[in-house]
Amino acid sequence: MEFIANEKITEELVGSFNEEMTYELAKRLEDDNYNSPFDGLKDWHLLRALAINRPELTTNYNHLLDQEPFDEN
């Protein structure tokens, strides 16, 4: 299942993911071969939603989330 660009990230979508689907999502992000930067950003947001709601699926892909603390000041 590939995340469709205009598809909203819902509880149902996040709940439908399994390990194989998460791997495919992470692989797309690692390959970074998107037609537009917005397509990659949508996948990133989906992986982030999975990390928040289904962390057991994203343990191996935390490096793709780049969640290091930073100071905006």
Protein backbone atom coordinates (compact mmCIF):
# COMPACT_ATOMS: atom_id res chain seq x y z
CA MET A 1 0.00 0.00 0.00
CA GLU A 2 1.45 3.32 -1.00
CA PHE A 3 0.36 6.53 0.66
CA ILE A 4 -1.58 8.52 -1.92
CA ALA A 5 -0.63 12.20 -2.11
CA ASN A 6 -4.10 13.58 -1.41
CA GLU A 7 -4.94 10.98 1.24
CA LYS A 8 -5.30 12.30 4.77
CA ILE A 9 -3.42 10.69 7.61
CA THR A 10 -6.18 9.19 9.72
CA GLU A 11 -6.33 6.78 12.64
CA GLU A 12 -7.59 4.16 10.20
CA LEU A 13 -4.64 4.67 7.85
CA VAL A 14 -2.12 4.52 10.69
CA GLY A 15 -3.91 1.50 12.17
CA SER A 16 -3.79 -0.32 8.84
CA PHE A 17 0.02 -0.31 8.69
CA ASN A 18 2.07 -3.40 9.37
CA GLU A 19 5.83 -4.04 9.43
CA GLU A 20 6.09 -4.61 5.67
CA MET A 21 4.19 -1.43 4.83
CA THR A 22 6.33 0.57 7.26
CA TYR A 23 9.47 -0.88 5.68
CA GLU A 24 8.29 0.19 2.22
CA LEU A 25 7.54 3.69 3.50
CA ALA A 26 10.98 3.95 5.11
CA LYS A 27 12.64 2.61 1.95
CA ARG A 28 10.97 5.33 -0.14
CA LEU A 29 12.22 7.93 2.32
CA GLU A 30 15.74 6.49 2.29
CA ASP A 31 15.81 6.33 -1.51
CA ASP A 32 14.58 9.95 -1.67
CA ASN A 33 13.52 9.58 -5.29
CA TYR A 34 10.35 11.68 -5.29
CA ASN A 35 8.83 13.66 -8.14
CA SER A 36 8.47 16.65 -5.84
CA PRO A 37 9.69 17.56 -2.36
CA PHE A 38 6.08 17.61 -1.22
CA ASP A 39 5.69 13.89 -1.95
CA GLY A 40 8.64 13.14 0.32
CA LEU A 41 7.26 15.44 2.99
CA LYS A 42 3.93 13.60 2.94
CA ASP A 43 5.72 10.28 3.47
CA TRP A 44 7.76 11.87 6.28
CA HIS A 45 4.57 13.06 8.00
CA LEU A 46 3.11 9.58 7.70
CA LEU A 47 6.22 8.01 9.24
CA ARG A 48 6.06 10.61 12.02
CA ALA A 49 2.40 9.73 12.67
CA LEU A 50 3.38 6.07 12.85
CA ALA A 51 6.21 6.87 15.27
CA ILE A 52 3.78 8.68 17.56
CA ASN A 53 0.89 6.22 17.36
CA ARG A 54 2.59 2.92 16.51
CA PRO A 55 6.18 3.27 17.77
CA GLU A 56 6.73 -0.49 17.63
CA LEU A 57 6.67 -0.22 13.82
CA THR A 58 9.21 2.59 13.52
CA THR A 59 11.98 1.64 15.95
CA ASN A 60 14.40 0.87 13.11
CA TYR A 61 13.58 4.08 11.23
CA ASN A 62 13.92 6.79 13.86
CA HIS A 63 16.98 8.13 12.04
CA LEU A 64 14.64 9.20 9.21
CA LEU A 65 12.62 11.41 11.52
CA ASP A 66 15.46 13.75 12.47
CA GLN A 67 13.90 14.63 15.80
CA GLU A 68 16.86 16.25 17.45
CA PRO A 69 16.04 19.07 19.86
CA PHE A 70 16.89 22.55 18.70
CA ASP A 71 16.56 26.11 19.91
CA GLU A 72 14.57 28.43 17.67
CA ASN A 73 15.93 31.59 19.35
